[in-house]
Amino acid sequence: MDKKQLEEKIIQNYQGEEKMMILVFAQWCINHDLNPEELYLRAYPNQASNMALKEAMELVVPKDEAGEIGDETLLGVLSLFGNDDLAFVVTEEITKRNA
Protein backbone atom coordinates (compact mmCIF):
# COMPACT_ATOMS: atom_id res chain seq x y z
CA MET A 1 0.00 0.00 0.00
CA ASP A 2 1.55 3.27 -1.07
CA LYS A 3 1.21 6.60 0.74
CA LYS A 4 -1.73 7.79 -1.39
CA GLN A 5 -3.67 4.56 -0.82
CA LEU A 6 -3.00 4.78 2.89
CA GLU A 7 -4.25 8.37 2.99
CA GLU A 8 -7.39 7.39 1.10
CA LYS A 9 -8.00 4.49 3.53
CA ILE A 10 -7.64 6.83 6.52
CA ILE A 11 -10.09 9.31 4.96
CA GLN A 12 -12.60 6.55 4.24
CA ASN A 13 -12.34 5.26 7.81
CA TYR A 14 -12.86 8.77 9.21
CA GLN A 15 -15.87 9.37 6.97
CA GLY A 16 -17.40 6.05 8.04
CA GLU A 17 -16.88 6.88 11.70
CA GLU A 18 -18.30 10.37 11.15
CA LYS A 19 -21.45 8.85 9.63
CA MET A 20 -21.77 6.62 12.70
CA MET A 21 -21.45 9.68 14.95
CA ILE A 22 -24.21 11.43 13.02
CA LEU A 23 -26.41 8.34 13.26
CA VAL A 24 -25.87 8.16 17.04
CA PHE A 25 -26.80 11.86 17.30
CA ALA A 26 -29.92 11.42 15.15
CA GLN A 27 -31.10 8.35 17.07
CA TRP A 28 -30.49 10.07 20.42
CA CYS A 29 -32.67 12.94 19.23
CA ILE A 30 -35.45 10.60 18.13
CA ASN A 31 -35.22 8.76 21.46
CA HIS A 32 -35.81 12.09 23.25
CA ASP A 33 -38.54 13.41 20.93
CA LEU A 34 -36.24 16.03 19.42
CA ASN A 35 -35.81 16.97 15.78
CA PRO A 36 -32.18 16.23 14.78
CA GLU A 37 -32.27 18.66 11.87
CA GLU A 38 -33.51 21.52 14.09
CA LEU A 39 -30.81 20.89 16.69
CA TYR A 40 -28.15 20.67 13.99
CA LEU A 41 -29.34 23.95 12.48
CA ARG A 42 -29.19 25.63 15.88
CA ALA A 43 -25.59 24.49 16.25
CA TYR A 44 -24.57 25.29 12.69
CA PRO A 45 -26.94 28.01 11.38
CA ASN A 46 -24.81 28.63 8.28
CA GLN A 47 -25.14 25.02 7.10
CA ALA A 48 -28.62 24.85 5.62
CA SER A 49 -28.42 21.17 4.75
CA ASN A 50 -26.28 18.25 5.85
CA MET A 51 -26.40 15.28 3.49
CA ALA A 52 -24.92 12.89 6.05
CA LEU A 53 -27.68 13.84 8.51
CA LYS A 54 -30.32 13.27 5.83
CA GLU A 55 -28.82 9.83 5.17
CA ALA A 56 -28.77 9.06 8.89
CA MET A 57 -32.44 10.02 9.18
CA GLU A 58 -33.24 7.19 6.78
CA LEU A 59 -31.57 4.73 9.18
CA VAL A 60 -33.02 5.78 12.53
CA VAL A 61 -35.71 3.65 14.08
CA PRO A 62 -38.71 4.65 16.22
CA LYS A 63 -37.71 5.22 19.82
CA ASP A 64 -39.69 2.20 21.03
CA GLU A 65 -37.49 0.02 18.80
CA ALA A 66 -34.19 1.74 19.60
CA GLY A 67 -31.67 0.94 22.25
CA GLU A 68 -30.83 3.54 24.87
CA ILE A 69 -28.11 6.02 24.00
CA GLY A 70 -26.81 7.70 27.12
CA ASP A 71 -26.32 11.45 27.24
CA GLU A 72 -22.66 11.04 28.18
CA THR A 73 -22.14 8.58 25.34
CA LEU A 74 -23.46 11.07 22.79
CA LEU A 75 -21.46 13.95 24.25
CA GLY A 76 -18.32 11.80 24.18
CA VAL A 77 -18.85 10.86 20.54
CA LEU A 78 -19.48 14.49 19.57
CA SER A 79 -16.34 15.51 21.43
CA LEU A 80 -14.24 12.95 19.55
CA PHE A 81 -15.17 14.66 16.31
CA GLY A 82 -14.79 18.20 17.62
CA ASN A 83 -18.49 18.98 17.33
CA ASP A 84 -18.42 21.40 20.25
CA ASP A 85 -21.24 23.58 18.92
CA LEU A 86 -23.52 20.58 18.53
CA ALA A 87 -22.50 19.27 21.95
CA PHE A 88 -23.46 22.66 23.42
CA VAL A 89 -26.95 22.46 21.87
CA VAL A 90 -27.34 18.87 23.08
CA THR A 91 -26.28 19.93 26.58
CA GLU A 92 -28.94 22.66 26.51
CA GLU A 93 -31.57 20.04 25.67
CA ILE A 94 -30.33 17.71 28.43
CA THR A 95 -30.56 20.60 30.89
CA LYS A 96 -34.12 21.42 29.78
CA ARG A 97 -35.15 17.78 30.13
CA ASN A 98 -33.64 17.48 33.62
CA ALA A 99 -35.11 20.77 34.90
PDB file of N, CA and C in Angstrom:
ATOM      1  N   MET A   1       0.854  -1.168   0.000  1.00  0.00           N
ATOM      2  CA  MET A   1       0.000   0.000   0.000  1.00  0.00           C
ATOM      3  C   MET A   1       0.907   1.239   0.000  1.00  0.00           C
ATOM      4  N   ASP A   2       0.724   2.061  -1.010  1.00  0.00           N
ATOM      5  CA  ASP A   2       1.547   3.271  -1.073  1.00  0.00           C
ATOM      6  C   ASP A   2       0.931   4.380  -0.204  1.00  0.00           C
ATOM      7  N   LYS A   3       1.625   5.505  -0.134  1.00  0.00           N
ATOM      8  CA  LYS A   3       1.208   6.604   0.737  1.00  0.00           C
ATOM      9  C   LYS A   3      -0.174   7.135   0.360  1.00  0.00           C
ATOM     10  N   LYS A   4      -0.439   7.276  -0.936  1.00  0.00           N
ATOM     11  CA  LYS A   4      -1.734   7.794  -1.386  1.00  0.00           C
ATOM     12  C   LYS A   4      -2.858   6.839  -1.009  1.00  0.00           C
ATOM     13  N   GLN A   5      -2.652   5.546  -1.191  1.00  0.00           N
ATOM     14  CA  GLN A   5      -3.670   4.561  -0.824  1.00  0.00           C
ATOM     15  C   GLN A   5      -3.935   4.577   0.684  1.00  0.00           C
ATOM     16  N   LEU A   6      -2.858   4.722   1.448  1.00  0.00           N
ATOM     17  CA  LEU A   6      -2.997   4.783   2.893  1.00  0.00           C
ATOM     18  C   LEU A   6      -3.803   6.016   3.310  1.00  0.00           C
ATOM     19  N   GLU A   7      -3.513   7.146   2.699  1.00  0.00           N
ATOM     20  CA  GLU A   7      -4.247   8.375   2.995  1.00  0.00           C
ATOM     21  C   GLU A   7      -5.728   8.213   2.649  1.00  0.00           C
ATOM     22  N   GLU A   8      -6.011   7.606   1.501  1.00  0.00           N
ATOM     23  CA  GLU A   8      -7.393   7.388   1.097  1.00  0.00           C
ATOM     24  C   GLU A   8      -8.113   6.465   2.081  1.00  0.00           C
ATOM     25  N   LYS A   9      -7.425   5.432   2.556  1.00  0.00           N
ATOM     26  CA  LYS A   9      -7.998   4.495   3.529  1.00  0.00           C
ATOM     27  C   LYS A   9      -8.314   5.219   4.836  1.00  0.00           C
ATOM     28  N   ILE A  10      -7.419   6.073   5.287  1.00  0.00           N
ATOM     29  CA  ILE A  10      -7.636   6.834   6.521  1.00  0.00           C
ATOM     30  C   ILE A  10      -8.843   7.754   6.362  1.00  0.00           C
ATOM     31  N   ILE A  11      -8.950   8.415   5.228  1.00  0.00           N
ATOM     32  CA  ILE A  11     -10.086   9.308   4.962  1.00  0.00           C
ATOM     33  C   ILE A  11     -11.391   8.525   4.944  1.00  0.00           C
ATOM     34  N   GLN A  12     -11.395   7.380   4.292  1.00  0.00           N
ATOM     35  CA  GLN A  12     -12.602   6.549   4.237  1.00  0.00           C
ATOM     36  C   GLN A  12     -13.016   6.085   5.630  1.00  0.00           C
ATOM     37  N   ASN A  13     -12.041   5.683   6.445  1.00  0.00           N
ATOM     38  CA  ASN A  13     -12.344   5.256   7.813  1.00  0.00           C
ATOM     39  C   ASN A  13     -12.951   6.408   8.611  1.00  0.00           C
ATOM     40  N   TYR A  14     -12.359   7.596   8.488  1.00  0.00           N
ATOM     41  CA  TYR A  14     -12.863   8.768   9.205  1.00  0.00           C
ATOM     42  C   TYR A  14     -14.287   9.088   8.769  1.00  0.00           C
ATOM     43  N   GLN A  15     -14.536   9.064   7.469  1.00  0.00           N
ATOM     44  CA  GLN A  15     -15.872   9.366   6.967  1.00  0.00           C
ATOM     45  C   GLN A  15     -16.893   8.347   7.466  1.00  0.00           C
ATOM     46  N   GLY A  16     -16.508   7.089   7.525  1.00  0.00           N
ATOM     47  CA  GLY A  16     -17.397   6.051   8.037  1.00  0.00           C
ATOM     48  C   GLY A  16     -17.704   6.267   9.508  1.00  0.00           C
ATOM     49  N   GLU A  17     -16.679   6.622  10.279  1.00  0.00           N
ATOM     50  CA  GLU A  17     -16.880   6.884  11.699  1.00  0.00           C
ATOM     51  C   GLU A  17     -17.712   8.141  11.899  1.00  0.00           C
ATOM     52  N   GLU A  18     -17.514   9.137  11.055  1.00  0.00           N
ATOM     53  CA  GLU A  18     -18.295  10.366  11.153  1.00  0.00           C
ATOM     54  C   GLU A  18     -19.771  10.076  10.891  1.00  0.00           C
ATOM     55  N   LYS A  19     -20.055   9.225   9.913  1.00  0.00           N
ATOM     56  CA  LYS A  19     -21.449   8.848   9.634  1.00  0.00           C
ATOM     57  C   LYS A  19     -22.064   8.136  10.833  1.00  0.00           C
ATOM     58  N   MET A  20     -21.277   7.314  11.512  1.00  0.00           N
ATOM     59  CA  MET A  20     -21.768   6.622  12.702  1.00  0.00           C
ATOM     60  C   MET A  20     -22.067   7.636  13.805  1.00  0.00           C
ATOM     61  N   MET A  21     -21.216   8.639  13.960  1.00  0.00           N
ATOM     62  CA  MET A  21     -21.449   9.683  14.955  1.00  0.00           C
ATOM     63  C   MET A  21     -22.751  10.416  14.662  1.00  0.00           C
ATOM     64  N   ILE A  22     -22.990  10.730  13.410  1.00  0.00           N
ATOM     65  CA  ILE A  22     -24.211  11.432  13.017  1.00  0.00           C
ATOM     66  C   ILE A  22     -25.432  10.549  13.270  1.00  0.00           C
ATOM     67  N   LEU A  23     -25.314   9.268  12.999  1.00  0.00           N
ATOM     68  CA  LEU A  23     -26.410   8.340  13.257  1.00  0.00           C
ATOM     69  C   LEU A  23     -26.712   8.248  14.754  1.00  0.00           C
ATOM     70  N   VAL A  24     -25.681   8.202  15.580  1.00  0.00           N
ATOM     71  CA  VAL A  24     -25.872   8.163  17.038  1.00  0.00           C
ATOM     72  C   VAL A  24     -26.587   9.437  17.487  1.00  0.00           C
ATOM     73  N   PHE A  25     -26.160  10.584  16.966  1.00  0.00           N
ATOM     74  CA  PHE A  25     -26.805  11.857  17.297  1.00  0.00           C
ATOM     75  C   PHE A  25     -28.281  11.835  16.887  1.00  0.00           C
ATOM     76  N   ALA A  26     -28.550  11.424  15.655  1.00  0.00           N
ATOM     77  CA  ALA A  26     -29.925  11.418  15.151  1.00  0.00           C
ATOM     78  C   ALA A  26     -30.803  10.481  15.973  1.00  0.00           C
ATOM     79  N   GLN A  27     -30.298   9.304  16.301  1.00  0.00           N
ATOM     80  CA  GLN A  27     -31.097   8.349  17.073  1.00  0.00           C
ATOM     81  C   GLN A  27     -31.329   8.857  18.488  1.00  0.00           C
ATOM     82  N   TRP A  28     -30.317   9.487  19.090  1.00  0.00           N
ATOM     83  CA  TRP A  28     -30.487  10.072  20.425  1.00  0.00           C
ATOM     84  C   TRP A  28     -31.614  11.106  20.392  1.00  0.00           C
ATOM     85  N   CYS A  29     -31.613  11.932  19.361  1.00  0.00           N
ATOM     86  CA  CYS A  29     -32.672  12.944  19.227  1.00  0.00           C
ATOM     87  C   CYS A  29     -34.044  12.282  19.141  1.00  0.00           C
ATOM     88  N   ILE A  30     -34.173  11.296  18.292  1.00  0.00           N
ATOM     89  CA  ILE A  30     -35.452  10.599  18.134  1.00  0.00           C
ATOM     90  C   ILE A  30     -35.870   9.978  19.468  1.00  0.00           C
ATOM     91  N   ASN A  31     -34.919   9.390  20.176  1.00  0.00           N
ATOM     92  CA  ASN A  31     -35.220   8.760  21.462  1.00  0.00           C
ATOM     93  C   ASN A  31     -35.738   9.762  22.490  1.00  0.00           C
ATOM     94  N   HIS A  32     -35.409  11.044  22.299  1.00  0.00           N
ATOM     95  CA  HIS A  32     -35.813  12.085  23.252  1.00  0.00           C
ATOM     96  C   HIS A  32     -36.824  13.056  22.643  1.00  0.00           C
ATOM     97  N   ASP A  33     -37.490  12.613  21.583  1.00  0.00           N
ATOM     98  CA  ASP A  33     -38.538  13.410  20.928  1.00  0.00           C
ATOM     99  C   ASP A  33     -38.041  14.773  20.467  1.00  0.00           C
ATOM    100  N   LEU A  34     -36.830  14.800  19.953  1.00  0.00           N
ATOM    101  CA  LEU A  34     -36.237  16.027  19.421  1.00  0.00           C
ATOM    102  C   LEU A  34     -36.022  15.869  17.923  1.00  0.00           C
ATOM    103  N   ASN A  35     -36.033  16.981  17.214  1.00  0.00           N
ATOM    104  CA  ASN A  35     -35.806  16.966  15.776  1.00  0.00           C
ATOM    105  C   ASN A  35     -34.312  17.163  15.510  1.00  0.00           C
ATOM    106  N   PRO A  36     -33.628  16.132  15.010  1.00  0.00           N
ATOM    107  CA  PRO A  36     -32.185  16.233  14.785  1.00  0.00           C
ATOM    108  C   PRO A  36     -31.802  17.381  13.849  1.00  0.00           C
ATOM    109  N   GLU A  37     -32.605  17.614  12.828  1.00  0.00           N
ATOM    110  CA  GLU A  37     -32.273  18.665  11.869  1.00  0.00           C
ATOM    111  C   GLU A  37     -32.385  20.050  12.513  1.00  0.00           C
ATOM    112  N   GLU A  38     -33.366  20.240  13.396  1.00  0.00           N
ATOM    113  CA  GLU A  38     -33.509  21.523  14.090  1.00  0.00           C
ATOM    114  C   GLU A  38     -32.339  21.768  15.037  1.00  0.00           C
ATOM    115  N   LEU A  39     -31.940  20.737  15.785  1.00  0.00           N
ATOM    116  CA  LEU A  39     -30.806  20.888  16.689  1.00  0.00           C
ATOM    117  C   LEU A  39     -29.532  21.175  15.909  1.00  0.00           C
ATOM    118  N   TYR A  40     -29.345  20.460  14.813  1.00  0.00           N
ATOM    119  CA  TYR A  40     -28.152  20.667  13.986  1.00  0.00           C
ATOM    120  C   TYR A  40     -28.120  22.099  13.454  1.00  0.00           C
ATOM    121  N   LEU A  41     -29.264  22.591  13.016  1.00  0.00           N
ATOM    122  CA  LEU A  41     -29.337  23.946  12.477  1.00  0.00           C
ATOM    123  C   LEU A  41     -29.071  24.993  13.560  1.00  0.00           C
ATOM    124  N   ARG A  42     -29.508  24.720  14.783  1.00  0.00           N
ATOM    125  CA  ARG A  42     -29.194  25.630  15.884  1.00  0.00           C
ATOM    126  C   ARG A  42     -27.696  25.688  16.131  1.00  0.00           C
ATOM    127  N   ALA A  43     -27.037  24.557  16.019  1.00  0.00           N
ATOM    128  CA  ALA A  43     -25.592  24.492  16.252  1.00  0.00           C
ATOM    129  C   ALA A  43     -24.807  25.086  15.094  1.00  0.00           C
ATOM    130  N   TYR A  44     -25.278  24.853  13.896  1.00  0.00           N
ATOM    131  CA  TYR A  44     -24.568  25.293  12.688  1.00  0.00           C
ATOM    132  C   TYR A  44     -25.536  26.038  11.770  1.00  0.00           C
ATOM    133  N   PRO A  45     -25.914  27.275  12.142  1.00  0.00           N
ATOM    134  CA  PRO A  45     -26.940  28.013  11.382  1.00  0.00           C
ATOM    135  C   PRO A  45     -26.532  28.336   9.943  1.00  0.00           C
ATOM    136  N   ASN A  46     -25.266  28.311   9.641  1.00  0.00           N
ATOM    137  CA  ASN A  46     -24.805  28.625   8.279  1.00  0.00           C
ATOM    138  C   ASN A  46     -24.787  27.407   7.364  1.00  0.00           C
ATOM    139  N   GLN A  47     -25.106  26.242   7.907  1.00  0.00           N
ATOM    140  CA  GLN A  47     -25.143  25.020   7.097  1.00  0.00           C
ATOM    141  C   GLN A  47     -26.604  24.619   6.911  1.00  0.00           C
ATOM    142  N   ALA A  48     -27.189  25.067   5.849  1.00  0.00           N
ATOM    143  CA  ALA A  48     -28.623  24.851   5.624  1.00  0.00           C
ATOM    144  C   ALA A  48     -28.974  23.369   5.526  1.00  0.00           C
ATOM    145  N   SER A  49     -28.101  22.577   4.961  1.00  0.00           N
ATOM    146  CA  SER A  49     -28.424  21.173   4.745  1.00  0.00           C
ATOM    147  C   SER A  49     -27.180  20.321   4.983  1.00  0.00           C
ATOM    148  N   ASN A  50     -27.378  19.174   5.609  1.00  0.00           N
ATOM    149  CA  ASN A  50     -26.278  18.247   5.847  1.00  0.00           C
ATOM    150  C   ASN A  50     -26.686  16.897   5.262  1.00  0.00           C
ATOM    151  N   MET A  51     -26.044  16.517   4.185  1.00  0.00           N
ATOM    152  CA  MET A  51     -26.402  15.282   3.488  1.00  0.00           C
ATOM    153  C   MET A  51     -26.203  14.049   4.376  1.00  0.00           C
ATOM    154  N   ALA A  52     -25.154  14.040   5.177  1.00  0.00           N
ATOM    155  CA  ALA A  52     -24.919  12.890   6.054  1.00  0.00           C
ATOM    156  C   ALA A  52     -26.041  12.757   7.081  1.00  0.00           C
ATOM    157  N   LEU A  53     -26.565  13.883   7.565  1.00  0.00           N
ATOM    158  CA  LEU A  53     -27.678  13.837   8.511  1.00  0.00           C
ATOM    159  C   LEU A  53     -28.938  13.326   7.809  1.00  0.00           C
ATOM    160  N   LYS A  54     -29.165  13.763   6.591  1.00  0.00           N
ATOM    161  CA  LYS A  54     -30.319  13.272   5.829  1.00  0.00           C
ATOM    162  C   LYS A  54     -30.221  11.758   5.632  1.00  0.00           C
ATOM    163  N   GLU A  55     -29.021  11.274   5.333  1.00  0.00           N
ATOM    164  CA  GLU A  55     -28.821   9.833   5.166  1.00  0.00           C
ATOM    165  C   GLU A  55     -29.059   9.102   6.485  1.00  0.00           C
ATOM    166  N   ALA A  56     -28.590   9.686   7.576  1.00  0.00           N
ATOM    167  CA  ALA A  56     -28.771   9.061   8.886  1.00  0.00           C
ATOM    168  C   ALA A  56     -30.245   8.984   9.246  1.00  0.00           C
ATOM    169  N   MET A  57     -31.013  10.001   8.862  1.00  0.00           N
ATOM    170  CA  MET A  57     -32.441  10.020   9.180  1.00  0.00           C
ATOM    171  C   MET A  57     -33.175   8.858   8.528  1.00  0.00           C
ATOM    172  N   GLU A  58     -32.630   8.344   7.440  1.00  0.00           N
ATOM    173  CA  GLU A  58     -33.239   7.188   6.781  1.00  0.00           C
ATOM    174  C   GLU A  58     -32.961   5.895   7.549  1.00  0.00           C
ATOM    175  N   LEU A  59     -31.982   5.936   8.460  1.00  0.00           N
ATOM    176  CA  LEU A  59     -31.571   4.731   9.178  1.00  0.00           C
ATOM    177  C   LEU A  59     -32.069   4.674  10.616  1.00  0.00           C
ATOM    178  N   VAL A  60     -32.548   5.792  11.151  1.00  0.00           N
ATOM    179  CA  VAL A  60     -33.017   5.777  12.531  1.00  0.00           C
ATOM    180  C   VAL A  60     -34.290   4.945  12.637  1.00  0.00           C
ATOM    181  N   VAL A  61     -34.521   4.453  13.830  1.00  0.00           N
ATOM    182  CA  VAL A  61     -35.715   3.645  14.081  1.00  0.00           C
ATOM    183  C   VAL A  61     -36.580   4.371  15.108  1.00  0.00           C
ATOM    184  N   PRO A  62     -37.861   4.037  15.188  1.00  0.00           N
ATOM    185  CA  PRO A  62     -38.706   4.648  16.220  1.00  0.00           C
ATOM    186  C   PRO A  62     -38.122   4.392  17.605  1.00  0.00           C
ATOM    187  N   LYS A  63     -38.359   5.324  18.513  1.00  0.00           N
ATOM    188  CA  LYS A  63     -37.714   5.224  19.825  1.00  0.00           C
ATOM    189  C   LYS A  63     -38.103   3.963  20.576  1.00  0.00           C
ATOM    190  N   ASP A  64     -39.298   3.429  20.337  1.00  0.00           N
ATOM    191  CA  ASP A  64     -39.688   2.205  21.032  1.00  0.00           C
ATOM    192  C   ASP A  64     -38.956   0.972  20.493  1.00  0.00           C
ATOM    193  N   GLU A  65     -38.269   1.119  19.370  1.00  0.00           N
ATOM    194  CA  GLU A  65     -37.486   0.025  18.801  1.00  0.00           C
ATOM    195  C   GLU A  65     -35.987   0.220  19.002  1.00  0.00           C
ATOM    196  N   ALA A  66     -35.608   1.398  19.484  1.00  0.00           N
ATOM    197  CA  ALA A  66     -34.189   1.738  19.602  1.00  0.00           C
ATOM    198  C   ALA A  66     -33.636   1.368  20.961  1.00  0.00           C
ATOM    199  N   GLY A  67     -32.358   1.119  20.985  1.00  0.00           N
ATOM    200  CA  GLY A  67     -31.668   0.941  22.251  1.00  0.00           C
ATOM    201  C   GLY A  67     -31.391   2.301  22.872  1.00  0.00           C
ATOM    202  N   GLU A  68     -31.131   2.299  24.163  1.00  0.00           N
ATOM    203  CA  GLU A  68     -30.829   3.537  24.873  1.00  0.00           C
ATOM    204  C   GLU A  68     -29.453   4.056  24.463  1.00  0.00           C
ATOM    205  N   ILE A  69     -29.375   5.348  24.252  1.00  0.00           N
ATOM    206  CA  ILE A  69     -28.108   6.022  24.004  1.00  0.00           C
ATOM    207  C   ILE A  69     -27.960   7.036  25.126  1.00  0.00           C
ATOM    208  N   GLY A  70     -27.001   6.825  25.980  1.00  0.00           N
ATOM    209  CA  GLY A  70     -26.806   7.699  27.123  1.00  0.00           C
ATOM    210  C   GLY A  70     -26.349   9.094  26.701  1.00  0.00           C
ATOM    211  N   ASP A  71     -26.723  10.073  27.517  1.00  0.00           N
ATOM    212  CA  ASP A  71     -26.320  11.449  27.238  1.00  0.00           C
ATOM    213  C   ASP A  71     -24.799  11.570  27.173  1.00  0.00           C
ATOM    214  N   GLU A  72     -24.120  10.957  28.134  1.00  0.00           N
ATOM    215  CA  GLU A  72     -22.657  11.043  28.179  1.00  0.00           C
ATOM    216  C   GLU A  72     -22.024  10.339  26.978  1.00  0.00           C
ATOM    217  N   THR A  73     -22.652   9.279  26.524  1.00  0.00           N
ATOM    218  CA  THR A  73     -22.141   8.583  25.335  1.00  0.00           C
ATOM    219  C   THR A  73     -22.195   9.507  24.130  1.00  0.00           C
ATOM    220  N   LEU A  74     -23.344  10.152  23.923  1.00  0.00           N
ATOM    221  CA  LEU A  74     -23.464  11.068  22.793  1.00  0.00           C
ATOM    222  C   LEU A  74     -22.475  12.217  22.907  1.00  0.00           C
ATOM    223  N   LEU A  75     -22.384  12.819  24.082  1.00  0.00           N
ATOM    224  CA  LEU A  75     -21.459  13.950  24.253  1.00  0.00           C
ATOM    225  C   LEU A  75     -20.013  13.521  24.018  1.00  0.00           C
ATOM    226  N   GLY A  76     -19.662  12.311  24.427  1.00  0.00           N
ATOM    227  CA  GLY A  76     -18.319  11.798  24.185  1.00  0.00           C
ATOM    228  C   GLY A  76     -18.035  11.611  22.703  1.00  0.00           C
ATOM    229  N   VAL A  77     -19.008  11.069  21.986  1.00  0.00           N
ATOM    230  CA  VAL A  77     -18.849  10.859  20.544  1.00  0.00           C
ATOM    231  C   VAL A  77     -18.728  12.206  19.824  1.00  0.00           C
ATOM    232  N   LEU A  78     -19.563  13.161  20.196  1.00  0.00           N
ATOM    233  CA  LEU A  78     -19.483  14.489  19.573  1.00  0.00           C
ATOM    234  C   LEU A  78     -18.130  15.133  19.852  1.00  0.00           C
ATOM    235  N   SER A  79     -17.636  14.949  21.050  1.00  0.00           N
ATOM    236  CA  SER A  79     -16.341  15.511  21.434  1.00  0.00           C
ATOM    237  C   SER A  79     -15.204  14.914  20.602  1.00  0.00           C
ATOM    238  N   LEU A  80     -15.280  13.611  20.355  1.00  0.00           N
ATOM    239  CA  LEU A  80     -14.237  12.953  19.554  1.00  0.00           C
ATOM    240  C   LEU A  80     -14.094  13.583  18.176  1.00  0.00           C
ATOM    241  N   PHE A  81     -15.187  14.075  17.647  1.00  0.00           N
ATOM    242  CA  PHE A  81     -15.173  14.658  16.311  1.00  0.00           C
ATOM    243  C   PHE A  81     -15.120  16.187  16.339  1.00  0.00           C
ATOM    244  N   GLY A  82     -14.924  16.758  17.520  1.00  0.00           N
ATOM    245  CA  GLY A  82     -14.786  18.200  17.622  1.00  0.00           C
ATOM    246  C   GLY A  82     -16.071  18.971  17.349  1.00  0.00           C
ATOM    247  N   ASN A  83     -17.204  18.328  17.555  1.00  0.00           N
ATOM    248  CA  ASN A  83     -18.495  18.983  17.331  1.00  0.00           C
ATOM    249  C   ASN A  83     -18.941  19.711  18.590  1.00  0.00           C
ATOM    250  N   ASP A  84     -18.148  20.685  19.008  1.00  0.00           N
ATOM    251  CA  ASP A  84     -18.419  21.397  20.254  1.00  0.00           C
ATOM    252  C   ASP A  84     -19.720  22.191  20.193  1.00  0.00           C
ATOM    253  N   ASP A  85     -20.014  22.799  19.045  1.00  0.00           N
ATOM    254  CA  ASP A  85     -21.242  23.578  18.919  1.00  0.00           C
ATOM    255  C   ASP A  85     -22.472  22.679  19.054  1.00  0.00           C
ATOM    256  N   LEU A  86     -22.409  21.521  18.439  1.00  0.00           N
ATOM    257  CA  LEU A  86     -23.521  20.582  18.530  1.00  0.00           C
ATOM    258  C   LEU A  86     -23.626  20.021  19.955  1.00  0.00           C
ATOM    259  N   ALA A  87     -22.497  19.748  20.569  1.00  0.00           N
ATOM    260  CA  ALA A  87     -22.502  19.269  21.952  1.00  0.00           C
ATOM    261  C   ALA A  87     -23.121  20.316  22.883  1.00  0.00           C
ATOM    262  N   PHE A  88     -22.881  21.584  22.617  1.00  0.00           N
ATOM    263  CA  PHE A  88     -23.464  22.658  23.422  1.00  0.00           C
ATOM    264  C   PHE A  88     -24.983  22.642  23.311  1.00  0.00           C
ATOM    265  N   VAL A  89     -25.500  22.503  22.090  1.00  0.00           N
ATOM    266  CA  VAL A  89     -26.946  22.464  21.867  1.00  0.00           C
ATOM    267  C   VAL A  89     -27.544  21.223  22.542  1.00  0.00           C
ATOM    268  N   VAL A  90     -26.873  20.099  22.430  1.00  0.00           N
ATOM    269  CA  VAL A  90     -27.335  18.866  23.076  1.00  0.00           C
ATOM    270  C   VAL A  90     -27.371  19.058  24.595  1.00  0.00           C
ATOM    271  N   THR A  91     -26.332  19.677  25.140  1.00  0.00           N
ATOM    272  CA  THR A  91     -26.280  19.933  26.578  1.00  0.00           C
ATOM    273  C   THR A  91     -27.429  20.827  27.017  1.00  0.00           C
ATOM    274  N   GLU A  92     -27.776  21.813  26.198  1.00  0.00           N
ATOM    275  CA  GLU A  92     -28.935  22.659  26.506  1.00  0.00           C
ATOM    276  C   GLU A  92     -30.209  21.819  26.601  1.00  0.00           C
ATOM    277  N   GLU A  93     -30.381  20.897  25.669  1.00  0.00           N
ATOM    278  CA  GLU A  93     -31.568  20.045  25.669  1.00  0.00           C
ATOM    279  C   GLU A  93     -31.583  19.100  26.872  1.00  0.00           C
ATOM    280  N   ILE A  94     -30.429  18.585  27.246  1.00  0.00           N
ATOM    281  CA  ILE A  94     -30.334  17.708  28.427  1.00  0.00           C
ATOM    282  C   ILE A  94     -30.725  18.510  29.671  1.00  0.00           C
ATOM    283  N   THR A  95     -30.242  19.733  29.754  1.00  0.00           N
ATOM    284  CA  THR A  95     -30.559  20.598  30.895  1.00  0.00           C
ATOM    285  C   THR A  95     -32.050  20.880  30.964  1.00  0.00           C
ATOM    286  N   LYS A  96     -32.665  21.176  29.821  1.00  0.00           N
ATOM    287  CA  LYS A  96     -34.117  21.418  29.777  1.00  0.00           C
ATOM    288  C   LYS A  96     -34.882  20.185  30.254  1.00  0.00           C
ATOM    289  N   ARG A  97     -34.461  19.026  29.794  1.00  0.00           N
ATOM    290  CA  ARG A  97     -35.147  17.783  30.131  1.00  0.00           C
ATOM    291  C   ARG A  97     -35.027  17.479  31.624  1.00  0.00           C
ATOM    292  N   ASN A  98     -33.889  17.799  32.216  1.00  0.00           N
ATOM    293  CA  ASN A  98     -33.643  17.477  33.615  1.00  0.00           C
ATOM    294  C   ASN A  98     -34.140  18.555  34.577  1.00  0.00           C
ATOM    295  N   ALA A  99     -34.659  19.666  34.032  1.00  0.00           N
ATOM    296  CA  ALA A  99     -35.107  20.768  34.901  1.00  0.00           C
ATOM    297  C   ALA A  99     -36.444  20.470  35.546  1.00  0.00           C
TER     298      ALA A  99
END
